[in-house]
């Protein structure tokens, strides 16, 4: 269960510094958090949501974690930069969550490590992160 206040290293910045969030909405299968101390037009939101489709062995759950950061664009307008992590699990036809965990491990290591690293990189310079940020392949 996710706590209502995220203030003990659950979320960190690219410098590895804790960023505190507080829950502002709990509707249905969605939780919404806002950065503590955020100001209008510079909000930072963290969303966790789940959606299930199908039934029986055809039931599939799509779970998402998302971070949205608002800031001023070069023209002064408010822009939003977002990152999403989506996990699709065939919960109706899976004996356990081992493959879901393995998928997350592989994606996380690809995004947050380089070939030479064994320590999580917050700076956005992991192999997959570099490709995402720079639009390279």
Protein backbone atom coordinates (compact mmCIF):
# COMPACT_ATOMS: atom_id res chain seq x y z
CA UNK A 1 0.00 0.00 0.00
CA UNK A 2 1.32 3.43 -0.93
CA UNK A 3 1.49 5.91 1.98
CA UNK A 4 -0.49 9.17 1.79
CA UNK A 5 2.74 11.15 2.21
CA UNK A 6 5.88 10.19 0.30
CA UNK A 7 8.70 11.64 2.37
CA UNK A 8 11.19 8.89 3.12
CA UNK A 9 13.07 8.43 -0.15
CA UNK A 10 10.17 6.98 -2.16
CA UNK A 11 10.79 9.68 -4.81
CA UNK A 12 14.15 11.25 -5.65
CA UNK A 13 15.38 13.92 -8.03
CA UNK A 14 17.99 13.32 -10.72
CA UNK A 15 20.57 14.45 -8.13
CA UNK A 16 19.43 11.63 -5.82
CA UNK A 17 17.75 14.05 -3.39
CA UNK A 18 14.41 13.16 -1.78
CA UNK A 19 11.37 14.94 -3.24
CA UNK A 20 8.30 14.98 -0.98
CA UNK A 21 4.78 14.37 -2.31
CA UNK A 22 1.40 14.35 -0.59
CA UNK A 23 -1.76 12.61 -1.72
CA UNK A 24 -4.38 15.01 -3.05
CA UNK A 25 -6.91 12.58 -4.56
CA UNK A 26 -7.96 8.95 -4.16
CA UNK A 27 -10.69 8.19 -6.68
CA UNK A 28 -11.51 4.65 -7.79
CA UNK A 29 -8.30 2.90 -8.78
CA UNK A 30 -6.27 6.11 -9.07
CA UNK A 31 -4.05 7.94 -6.59
CA UNK A 32 -2.82 11.47 -7.28
CA UNK A 33 0.04 13.13 -5.41
CA UNK A 34 1.36 16.69 -5.59
CA UNK A 35 4.86 17.83 -4.72
CA UNK A 36 4.93 19.44 -1.29
CA UNK A 37 5.43 23.19 -1.73
CA UNK A 38 4.67 23.25 -5.45
CA UNK A 39 3.39 26.56 -6.82
CA UNK A 40 0.72 27.23 -9.47
CA UNK A 41 1.99 26.77 -13.06
CA UNK A 42 4.95 24.82 -11.68
CA UNK A 43 3.15 21.83 -10.18
CA UNK A 44 4.67 18.38 -10.01
CA UNK A 45 2.24 15.47 -9.95
CA UNK A 46 2.70 11.76 -9.39
CA UNK A 47 -0.13 9.45 -10.47
CA UNK A 48 -0.65 5.74 -9.81
CA UNK A 49 -3.58 4.12 -11.62
CA UNK A 50 -4.90 0.69 -12.57
CA UNK A 51 -7.35 -0.52 -15.19
CA UNK A 52 -8.55 -4.09 -15.73
CA UNK A 53 -10.13 -5.49 -18.87
CA UNK A 54 -11.50 -8.93 -19.69
CA UNK A 55 -12.47 -11.61 -17.21
CA UNK A 56 -11.44 -15.10 -16.19
CA UNK A 57 -8.24 -16.24 -17.90
CA UNK A 58 -8.55 -13.26 -20.30
CA UNK A 59 -8.34 -10.66 -17.50
CA UNK A 60 -5.51 -8.18 -17.99
CA UNK A 61 -4.51 -5.33 -15.67
CA UNK A 62 -2.72 -2.24 -16.92
CA UNK A 63 -1.02 -0.34 -14.10
CA UNK A 64 0.69 3.00 -14.58
CA UNK A 65 2.98 5.28 -12.60
CA UNK A 66 3.37 8.75 -14.08
CA UNK A 67 5.23 11.93 -13.17
CA UNK A 68 4.22 15.29 -14.68
CA UNK A 69 6.38 18.38 -14.15
CA UNK A 70 5.11 21.82 -15.17
CA UNK A 71 7.53 24.64 -15.90
CA UNK A 72 7.93 27.73 -18.05
CA UNK A 73 8.82 27.08 -21.68
CA UNK A 74 11.29 29.21 -23.61
CA UNK A 75 8.36 31.39 -24.78
CA UNK A 76 7.08 31.82 -21.22
CA UNK A 77 4.06 29.53 -21.60
CA UNK A 78 3.50 26.66 -19.19
CA UNK A 79 4.75 23.33 -20.49
CA UNK A 80 4.45 19.83 -19.02
CA UNK A 81 7.08 17.11 -19.27
CA UNK A 82 5.89 13.60 -18.38
CA UNK A 83 7.35 10.16 -17.81
CA UNK A 84 5.19 7.03 -17.60
CA UNK A 85 5.87 3.49 -16.57
CA UNK A 86 3.16 1.06 -17.64
CA UNK A 87 2.97 -2.58 -16.61
CA UNK A 88 0.54 -4.87 -18.41
CA UNK A 89 -0.07 -8.14 -16.56
CA UNK A 90 -2.29 -11.02 -17.78
CA UNK A 91 -3.54 -11.56 -14.22
CA UNK A 92 -6.25 -14.01 -15.23
CA UNK A 93 -3.77 -16.40 -16.84
CA UNK A 94 -0.66 -16.01 -14.66
CA UNK A 95 0.27 -18.29 -11.78
CA UNK A 96 2.30 -15.53 -10.07
CA UNK A 97 3.89 -12.12 -10.64
CA UNK A 98 7.39 -13.39 -11.45
CA UNK A 99 7.31 -12.25 -15.10
CA UNK A 100 5.94 -8.85 -14.10
CA UNK A 101 8.84 -8.45 -11.67
CA UNK A 102 11.32 -9.65 -14.30
CA UNK A 103 9.94 -7.20 -16.88
CA UNK A 104 10.31 -4.31 -14.42
CA UNK A 105 13.84 -5.38 -13.49
CA UNK A 106 14.93 -5.48 -17.12
CA UNK A 107 13.31 -2.17 -18.03
CA UNK A 108 14.61 -0.44 -14.91
CA UNK A 109 18.16 -1.67 -15.46
CA UNK A 110 18.06 -0.62 -19.12
CA UNK A 111 16.88 2.89 -18.25
CA UNK A 112 18.81 3.50 -15.03
CA UNK A 113 22.15 1.76 -15.63
CA UNK A 114 24.90 1.75 -18.23
CA UNK A 115 26.90 -1.33 -19.15
CA UNK A 116 29.60 -0.35 -16.67
CA UNK A 117 27.29 0.40 -13.74
CA UNK A 118 25.78 -1.71 -11.01
CA UNK A 119 24.42 1.26 -9.02
CA UNK A 120 21.15 2.99 -9.95
CA UNK A 121 21.79 6.25 -11.85
CA UNK A 122 19.31 9.04 -11.01
CA UNK A 123 20.89 11.54 -13.43
CA UNK A 124 19.03 10.33 -16.53
CA UNK A 125 22.21 9.06 -18.17
CA UNK A 126 21.53 5.32 -18.21
CA UNK A 127 21.61 3.56 -21.58
CA UNK A 128 17.84 3.62 -22.13
CA UNK A 129 17.38 7.04 -20.48
CA UNK A 130 19.91 8.59 -22.84
CA UNK A 131 17.99 7.22 -25.82
CA UNK A 132 14.64 8.46 -24.44
CA UNK A 133 15.93 11.93 -23.61
CA UNK A 134 17.91 12.51 -26.80
CA UNK A 135 15.65 10.66 -29.24
CA UNK A 136 18.52 8.45 -30.35
CA UNK A 137 18.74 4.76 -31.09
